[in-house]
Amino acid sequence: MSGVTLDGDLNFSVNTSRVGAGTAAATLPSSQEPAVKMIVEHKVELIDCLKADHAFILQHAHAKHIVTQRQYWNLKDISPPEKNVTNLIDEVIVNGQESCSLFLQVLKEPEVLQTYPQLIVITKQCC
């Protein structure tokens, strides 16, 4: 702070809270849900494929409301492409089964398959 003058005593208190070790994990989606499981199991292949045009898949994920506006803005400026796609897939996984199902639908769209032909093999393995 600048330009502040203090005459007299300054008193303050801080309250701390502790979060149990299992609390954060309890909010993560179950990796046993089918769409979540597929994306987790094929994450490395998906990253390798989608990094070729990371902006394209991010645009599709945003258009289908798979990621929020805030997530989109945070992901948009990440580079290198591999990290961008990794973070996108992590967001999709954290968002749960519905988000993962929507993402898998996007991966099967003709326009997306044309951009990423390797997805044909990946999506046949799961769906």
N, C-alpha and C. Protein backbone atom coordinates (compact mmCIF):
# COMPACT_ATOMS: atom_id res chain seq x y z
N MET A 1 0.85 -1.18 0.00
CA MET A 1 0.00 0.00 0.00
C MET A 1 0.89 1.23 0.00
N SER A 2 0.42 2.26 -0.62
CA SER A 2 1.16 3.51 -0.61
C SER A 2 0.22 4.65 -0.27
N GLY A 3 0.79 5.71 0.28
CA GLY A 3 0.00 6.87 0.63
C GLY A 3 -0.90 6.65 1.84
N VAL A 4 -0.55 5.70 2.69
CA VAL A 4 -1.37 5.39 3.86
C VAL A 4 -0.63 5.85 5.10
N THR A 5 -1.33 6.56 5.95
CA THR A 5 -0.77 6.99 7.23
C THR A 5 -1.55 6.30 8.32
N LEU A 6 -0.84 5.76 9.30
CA LEU A 6 -1.48 5.05 10.39
C LEU A 6 -1.13 5.75 11.68
N ASP A 7 -2.14 6.25 12.37
CA ASP A 7 -1.96 6.85 13.69
C ASP A 7 -2.64 5.95 14.70
N GLY A 8 -1.90 5.40 15.61
CA GLY A 8 -2.49 4.55 16.63
C GLY A 8 -2.19 3.09 16.38
N ASP A 9 -2.95 2.25 17.06
CA ASP A 9 -2.75 0.81 16.98
C ASP A 9 -3.52 0.21 15.80
N LEU A 10 -2.96 -0.84 15.28
CA LEU A 10 -3.61 -1.59 14.22
C LEU A 10 -3.81 -3.00 14.74
N ASN A 11 -5.05 -3.43 14.81
CA ASN A 11 -5.38 -4.78 15.29
C ASN A 11 -6.14 -5.53 14.20
N PHE A 12 -5.77 -6.76 14.00
CA PHE A 12 -6.50 -7.60 13.07
C PHE A 12 -6.33 -9.05 13.49
N SER A 13 -7.23 -9.88 12.99
CA SER A 13 -7.12 -11.31 13.28
C SER A 13 -7.36 -12.08 11.99
N VAL A 14 -6.81 -13.27 11.96
CA VAL A 14 -6.94 -14.13 10.80
C VAL A 14 -7.52 -15.45 11.26
N ASN A 15 -8.57 -15.88 10.59
CA ASN A 15 -9.15 -17.19 10.88
C ASN A 15 -8.70 -18.15 9.80
N THR A 16 -8.22 -19.28 10.20
CA THR A 16 -7.81 -20.29 9.23
C THR A 16 -8.75 -21.47 9.31
N SER A 17 -8.88 -22.15 8.22
CA SER A 17 -9.67 -23.37 8.22
C SER A 17 -8.84 -24.46 7.56
N ARG A 18 -9.08 -25.64 7.96
CA ARG A 18 -8.38 -26.77 7.38
C ARG A 18 -9.38 -27.62 6.61
N VAL A 19 -8.97 -28.03 5.43
CA VAL A 19 -9.80 -28.88 4.60
C VAL A 19 -9.26 -30.29 4.72
N GLY A 20 -10.16 -31.23 4.93
CA GLY A 20 -9.74 -32.62 5.05
C GLY A 20 -9.08 -33.11 3.78
N ALA A 21 -8.19 -34.05 3.91
CA ALA A 21 -7.41 -34.54 2.77
C ALA A 21 -8.28 -35.12 1.67
N GLY A 22 -9.41 -35.71 2.00
CA GLY A 22 -10.24 -36.34 0.99
C GLY A 22 -11.25 -35.42 0.35
N THR A 23 -11.37 -34.20 0.79
CA THR A 23 -12.43 -33.31 0.32
C THR A 23 -12.31 -32.98 -1.16
N ALA A 24 -11.15 -32.61 -1.63
CA ALA A 24 -10.99 -32.23 -3.04
C ALA A 24 -11.27 -33.41 -3.96
N ALA A 25 -10.80 -34.57 -3.62
CA ALA A 25 -11.00 -35.74 -4.46
C ALA A 25 -12.46 -36.12 -4.56
N ALA A 26 -13.24 -35.79 -3.53
CA ALA A 26 -14.65 -36.14 -3.53
C ALA A 26 -15.42 -35.41 -4.62
N THR A 27 -14.90 -34.28 -5.09
CA THR A 27 -15.61 -33.51 -6.11
C THR A 27 -15.25 -33.94 -7.53
N LEU A 28 -14.24 -34.76 -7.69
CA LEU A 28 -13.84 -35.20 -9.02
C LEU A 28 -14.83 -36.23 -9.55
N PRO A 29 -15.06 -36.26 -10.86
CA PRO A 29 -15.97 -37.25 -11.40
C PRO A 29 -15.38 -38.66 -11.28
N SER A 30 -16.26 -39.62 -11.24
CA SER A 30 -15.81 -41.00 -11.18
C SER A 30 -15.20 -41.40 -12.50
N SER A 31 -14.01 -41.98 -12.45
CA SER A 31 -13.36 -42.41 -13.68
C SER A 31 -14.01 -43.69 -14.21
N GLN A 32 -15.01 -44.21 -13.50
CA GLN A 32 -15.72 -45.40 -13.95
C GLN A 32 -16.89 -45.06 -14.87
N GLU A 33 -17.28 -43.78 -14.91
CA GLU A 33 -18.36 -43.38 -15.81
C GLU A 33 -17.84 -43.57 -17.24
N PRO A 34 -18.66 -44.13 -18.15
CA PRO A 34 -18.17 -44.56 -19.47
C PRO A 34 -17.43 -43.49 -20.28
N ALA A 35 -18.01 -42.32 -20.42
CA ALA A 35 -17.36 -41.28 -21.25
C ALA A 35 -16.09 -40.77 -20.58
N VAL A 36 -16.14 -40.61 -19.27
CA VAL A 36 -14.96 -40.16 -18.53
C VAL A 36 -13.85 -41.20 -18.68
N LYS A 37 -14.22 -42.45 -18.50
CA LYS A 37 -13.25 -43.55 -18.59
C LYS A 37 -12.59 -43.58 -19.97
N MET A 38 -13.38 -43.41 -21.02
CA MET A 38 -12.83 -43.45 -22.38
C MET A 38 -11.83 -42.34 -22.58
N ILE A 39 -12.18 -41.14 -22.17
CA ILE A 39 -11.28 -40.00 -22.37
C ILE A 39 -10.01 -40.17 -21.55
N VAL A 40 -10.15 -40.62 -20.33
CA VAL A 40 -8.97 -40.84 -19.48
C VAL A 40 -8.06 -41.91 -20.10
N GLU A 41 -8.66 -43.01 -20.55
CA GLU A 41 -7.87 -44.11 -21.12
C GLU A 41 -7.17 -43.73 -22.43
N HIS A 42 -7.75 -42.81 -23.19
CA HIS A 42 -7.19 -42.43 -24.49
C HIS A 42 -6.64 -41.00 -24.48
N LYS A 43 -6.39 -40.49 -23.30
CA LYS A 43 -5.94 -39.10 -23.17
C LYS A 43 -4.67 -38.81 -23.96
N VAL A 44 -3.68 -39.66 -23.85
CA VAL A 44 -2.40 -39.43 -24.54
C VAL A 44 -2.61 -39.41 -26.05
N GLU A 45 -3.39 -40.36 -26.56
CA GLU A 45 -3.67 -40.40 -28.01
C GLU A 45 -4.44 -39.16 -28.45
N LEU A 46 -5.41 -38.74 -27.64
CA LEU A 46 -6.20 -37.56 -27.97
C LEU A 46 -5.32 -36.31 -28.01
N ILE A 47 -4.45 -36.18 -27.03
CA ILE A 47 -3.55 -35.02 -27.00
C ILE A 47 -2.67 -35.01 -28.24
N ASP A 48 -2.10 -36.15 -28.55
CA ASP A 48 -1.21 -36.26 -29.70
C ASP A 48 -1.93 -35.89 -31.00
N CYS A 49 -3.17 -36.28 -31.11
CA CYS A 49 -3.96 -36.00 -32.31
C CYS A 49 -4.43 -34.54 -32.36
N LEU A 50 -5.03 -34.06 -31.28
CA LEU A 50 -5.68 -32.75 -31.27
C LEU A 50 -4.71 -31.58 -31.24
N LYS A 51 -3.48 -31.81 -30.83
CA LYS A 51 -2.51 -30.70 -30.77
C LYS A 51 -2.16 -30.17 -32.15
N ALA A 52 -2.46 -30.95 -33.19
CA ALA A 52 -2.16 -30.51 -34.56
C ALA A 52 -2.89 -29.22 -34.91
N ASP A 53 -4.09 -29.03 -34.36
CA ASP A 53 -4.85 -27.79 -34.56
C ASP A 53 -5.64 -27.53 -33.29
N HIS A 54 -4.93 -27.10 -32.25
CA HIS A 54 -5.54 -26.95 -30.93
C HIS A 54 -6.64 -25.90 -30.89
N ALA A 55 -6.52 -24.85 -31.67
CA ALA A 55 -7.53 -23.79 -31.67
C ALA A 55 -8.86 -24.31 -32.23
N PHE A 56 -8.79 -25.18 -33.21
CA PHE A 56 -9.99 -25.73 -33.85
C PHE A 56 -10.84 -26.51 -32.85
N ILE A 57 -10.21 -27.41 -32.10
CA ILE A 57 -10.98 -28.22 -31.15
C ILE A 57 -11.47 -27.37 -29.99
N LEU A 58 -10.70 -26.37 -29.59
CA LEU A 58 -11.14 -25.47 -28.53
C LEU A 58 -12.38 -24.70 -28.97
N GLN A 59 -12.41 -24.24 -30.22
CA GLN A 59 -13.58 -23.53 -30.74
C GLN A 59 -14.82 -24.42 -30.71
N HIS A 60 -14.66 -25.67 -31.09
CA HIS A 60 -15.80 -26.59 -31.08
C HIS A 60 -16.27 -26.89 -29.65
N ALA A 61 -15.33 -27.07 -28.75
CA ALA A 61 -15.70 -27.32 -27.35
C ALA A 61 -16.43 -26.12 -26.77
N HIS A 62 -16.00 -24.94 -27.11
CA HIS A 62 -16.65 -23.73 -26.62
C HIS A 62 -18.04 -23.57 -27.24
N ALA A 63 -18.16 -23.80 -28.54
CA ALA A 63 -19.44 -23.66 -29.24
C ALA A 63 -20.50 -24.61 -28.70
N LYS A 64 -20.09 -25.78 -28.25
CA LYS A 64 -21.02 -26.78 -27.71
C LYS A 64 -21.20 -26.65 -26.19
N HIS A 65 -20.66 -25.60 -25.61
CA HIS A 65 -20.77 -25.31 -24.17
C HIS A 65 -20.17 -26.43 -23.31
N ILE A 66 -19.13 -27.05 -23.83
CA ILE A 66 -18.41 -28.07 -23.06
C ILE A 66 -17.49 -27.39 -22.05
N VAL A 67 -16.99 -26.23 -22.42
CA VAL A 67 -16.21 -25.40 -21.49
C VAL A 67 -16.94 -24.07 -21.32
N THR A 68 -16.80 -23.49 -20.16
CA THR A 68 -17.42 -22.20 -19.88
C THR A 68 -16.65 -21.08 -20.58
N GLN A 69 -17.25 -19.91 -20.59
CA GLN A 69 -16.57 -18.76 -21.18
C GLN A 69 -15.24 -18.50 -20.49
N ARG A 70 -15.23 -18.59 -19.17
CA ARG A 70 -13.99 -18.36 -18.41
C ARG A 70 -12.93 -19.42 -18.75
N GLN A 71 -13.34 -20.68 -18.80
CA GLN A 71 -12.41 -21.74 -19.15
C GLN A 71 -11.86 -21.51 -20.56
N TYR A 72 -12.73 -21.10 -21.46
CA TYR A 72 -12.31 -20.82 -22.83
C TYR A 72 -11.23 -19.75 -22.86
N TRP A 73 -11.46 -18.63 -22.17
CA TRP A 73 -10.48 -17.54 -22.18
C TRP A 73 -9.16 -17.99 -21.55
N ASN A 74 -9.24 -18.78 -20.49
CA ASN A 74 -8.01 -19.28 -19.86
C ASN A 74 -7.25 -20.23 -20.78
N LEU A 75 -7.96 -21.07 -21.50
CA LEU A 75 -7.33 -22.04 -22.39
C LEU A 75 -6.81 -21.41 -23.68
N LYS A 76 -7.49 -20.39 -24.14
CA LYS A 76 -7.20 -19.77 -25.43
C LYS A 76 -5.76 -19.29 -25.57
N ASP A 77 -5.21 -18.77 -24.51
CA ASP A 77 -3.89 -18.15 -24.58
C ASP A 77 -2.75 -19.07 -24.15
N ILE A 78 -3.04 -20.33 -23.91
CA ILE A 78 -2.00 -21.26 -23.47
C ILE A 78 -1.20 -21.77 -24.67
N SER A 79 0.10 -21.78 -24.51
CA SER A 79 0.95 -22.42 -25.51
C SER A 79 2.04 -23.16 -24.75
N PRO A 80 2.61 -24.15 -25.26
CA PRO A 80 2.52 -24.73 -26.60
C PRO A 80 1.20 -25.49 -26.79
N PRO A 81 0.89 -25.88 -28.03
CA PRO A 81 -0.37 -26.56 -28.34
C PRO A 81 -0.62 -27.81 -27.49
N GLU A 82 0.41 -28.57 -27.21
CA GLU A 82 0.23 -29.79 -26.41
C GLU A 82 -0.32 -29.45 -25.02
N LYS A 83 0.18 -28.40 -24.41
CA LYS A 83 -0.30 -27.99 -23.09
C LYS A 83 -1.73 -27.47 -23.18
N ASN A 84 -2.03 -26.75 -24.24
CA ASN A 84 -3.38 -26.23 -24.46
C ASN A 84 -4.38 -27.38 -24.52
N VAL A 85 -4.09 -28.39 -25.32
CA VAL A 85 -4.99 -29.54 -25.48
C VAL A 85 -5.05 -30.35 -24.19
N THR A 86 -3.93 -30.52 -23.52
CA THR A 86 -3.92 -31.24 -22.25
C THR A 86 -4.84 -30.56 -21.25
N ASN A 87 -4.74 -29.25 -21.14
CA ASN A 87 -5.59 -28.51 -20.20
C ASN A 87 -7.06 -28.58 -20.61
N LEU A 88 -7.34 -28.53 -21.91
CA LEU A 88 -8.72 -28.66 -22.38
C LEU A 88 -9.28 -30.02 -21.97
N ILE A 89 -8.55 -31.07 -22.23
CA ILE A 89 -9.03 -32.42 -21.88
C ILE A 89 -9.19 -32.56 -20.37
N ASP A 90 -8.27 -32.00 -19.60
CA ASP A 90 -8.40 -32.03 -18.14
C ASP A 90 -9.67 -31.31 -17.69
N GLU A 91 -9.98 -30.17 -18.30
CA GLU A 91 -11.22 -29.44 -17.97
C GLU A 91 -12.44 -30.30 -18.29
N VAL A 92 -12.42 -30.94 -19.45
CA VAL A 92 -13.54 -31.79 -19.85
C VAL A 92 -13.73 -32.92 -18.83
N ILE A 93 -12.65 -33.55 -18.43
CA ILE A 93 -12.72 -34.65 -17.46
C ILE A 93 -13.26 -34.16 -16.12
N VAL A 94 -12.74 -33.04 -15.64
CA VAL A 94 -13.18 -32.50 -14.35
C VAL A 94 -14.66 -32.11 -14.40
N ASN A 95 -15.14 -31.68 -15.56
CA ASN A 95 -16.54 -31.29 -15.69
C ASN A 95 -17.50 -32.48 -15.65
N GLY A 96 -16.98 -33.70 -15.77
CA GLY A 96 -17.79 -34.89 -15.54
C GLY A 96 -18.34 -35.58 -16.77
N GLN A 97 -19.22 -36.54 -16.49
CA GLN A 97 -19.77 -37.44 -17.50
C GLN A 97 -20.46 -36.71 -18.65
N GLU A 98 -21.32 -35.76 -18.34
CA GLU A 98 -22.06 -35.05 -19.40
C GLU A 98 -21.10 -34.31 -20.33
N SER A 99 -20.14 -33.63 -19.74
CA SER A 99 -19.14 -32.89 -20.52
C SER A 99 -18.33 -33.85 -21.39
N CYS A 100 -17.93 -34.97 -20.83
CA CYS A 100 -17.16 -35.96 -21.58
C CYS A 100 -17.99 -36.55 -22.72
N SER A 101 -19.27 -36.82 -22.48
CA SER A 101 -20.14 -37.34 -23.53
C SER A 101 -20.28 -36.35 -24.67
N LEU A 102 -20.48 -35.07 -24.33
CA LEU A 102 -20.57 -34.03 -25.36
C LEU A 102 -19.28 -33.92 -26.15
N PHE A 103 -18.15 -34.02 -25.46
CA PHE A 103 -16.85 -33.93 -26.12
C PHE A 103 -16.66 -35.09 -27.09
N LEU A 104 -17.07 -36.28 -26.68
CA LEU A 104 -16.97 -37.45 -27.56
C LEU A 104 -17.84 -37.27 -28.80
N GLN A 105 -19.02 -36.66 -28.63
CA GLN A 105 -19.88 -36.38 -29.79
C GLN A 105 -19.19 -35.42 -30.75
N VAL A 106 -18.54 -34.40 -30.20
CA VAL A 106 -17.81 -33.44 -31.03
C VAL A 106 -16.71 -34.15 -31.81
N LEU A 107 -16.02 -35.07 -31.15
CA LEU A 107 -14.92 -35.79 -31.81
C LEU A 107 -15.38 -36.64 -32.99
N LYS A 108 -16.69 -36.94 -33.05
CA LYS A 108 -17.24 -37.76 -34.13
C LYS A 108 -17.88 -36.93 -35.25
N GLU A 109 -17.94 -35.62 -35.09
CA GLU A 109 -18.54 -34.77 -36.11
C GLU A 109 -17.70 -34.81 -37.38
N PRO A 110 -18.35 -34.85 -38.55
CA PRO A 110 -17.62 -34.94 -39.83
C PRO A 110 -16.53 -33.88 -40.00
N GLU A 111 -16.84 -32.65 -39.64
CA GLU A 111 -15.86 -31.57 -39.78
C GLU A 111 -14.63 -31.81 -38.90
N VAL A 112 -14.87 -32.34 -37.71
CA VAL A 112 -13.77 -32.62 -36.78
C VAL A 112 -12.96 -33.82 -37.29
N LEU A 113 -13.65 -34.85 -37.75
CA LEU A 113 -12.95 -36.03 -38.29
C LEU A 113 -12.13 -35.69 -39.53
N GLN A 114 -12.62 -34.73 -40.31
CA GLN A 114 -11.86 -34.30 -41.48
C GLN A 114 -10.58 -33.59 -41.07
N THR A 115 -10.65 -32.82 -40.00
CA THR A 115 -9.47 -32.10 -39.51
C THR A 115 -8.49 -33.04 -38.81
N TYR A 116 -9.04 -34.02 -38.08
CA TYR A 116 -8.22 -34.97 -37.33
C TYR A 116 -8.58 -36.40 -37.75
N PRO A 117 -8.10 -36.89 -38.88
CA PRO A 117 -8.48 -38.23 -39.35
C PRO A 117 -8.10 -39.35 -38.37
N GLN A 118 -7.08 -39.12 -37.54
CA GLN A 118 -6.67 -40.15 -36.56
C GLN A 118 -7.79 -40.44 -35.55
N LEU A 119 -8.72 -39.50 -35.39
CA LEU A 119 -9.82 -39.70 -34.45
C LEU A 119 -10.71 -40.86 -34.85
N ILE A 120 -10.75 -41.19 -36.12
CA ILE A 120 -11.59 -42.30 -36.58
C ILE A 120 -11.18 -43.57 -35.84
N VAL A 121 -9.89 -43.83 -35.77
CA VAL A 121 -9.39 -45.02 -35.08
C VAL A 121 -9.65 -44.92 -33.58
N ILE A 122 -9.38 -43.76 -32.99
CA ILE A 122 -9.54 -43.59 -31.54
C ILE A 122 -11.00 -43.74 -31.14
N THR A 123 -11.91 -43.10 -31.86
CA THR A 123 -13.33 -43.16 -31.48
C THR A 123 -13.95 -44.52 -31.75
N LYS A 124 -13.42 -45.28 -32.70
CA LYS A 124 -13.93 -46.64 -32.95
C LYS A 124 -13.63 -47.55 -31.77
N GLN A 125 -12.54 -47.28 -31.08
CA GLN A 125 -12.14 -48.11 -29.94
C GLN A 125 -13.10 -47.96 -28.77
N CYS A 126 -13.81 -46.86 -28.73
CA CYS A 126 -14.60 -46.58 -27.53
C CYS A 126 -16.09 -46.58 -27.76
N CYS A 127 -16.52 -46.15 -28.88
CA CYS A 127 -17.93 -45.81 -29.00
C CYS A 127 -18.65 -46.61 -30.05
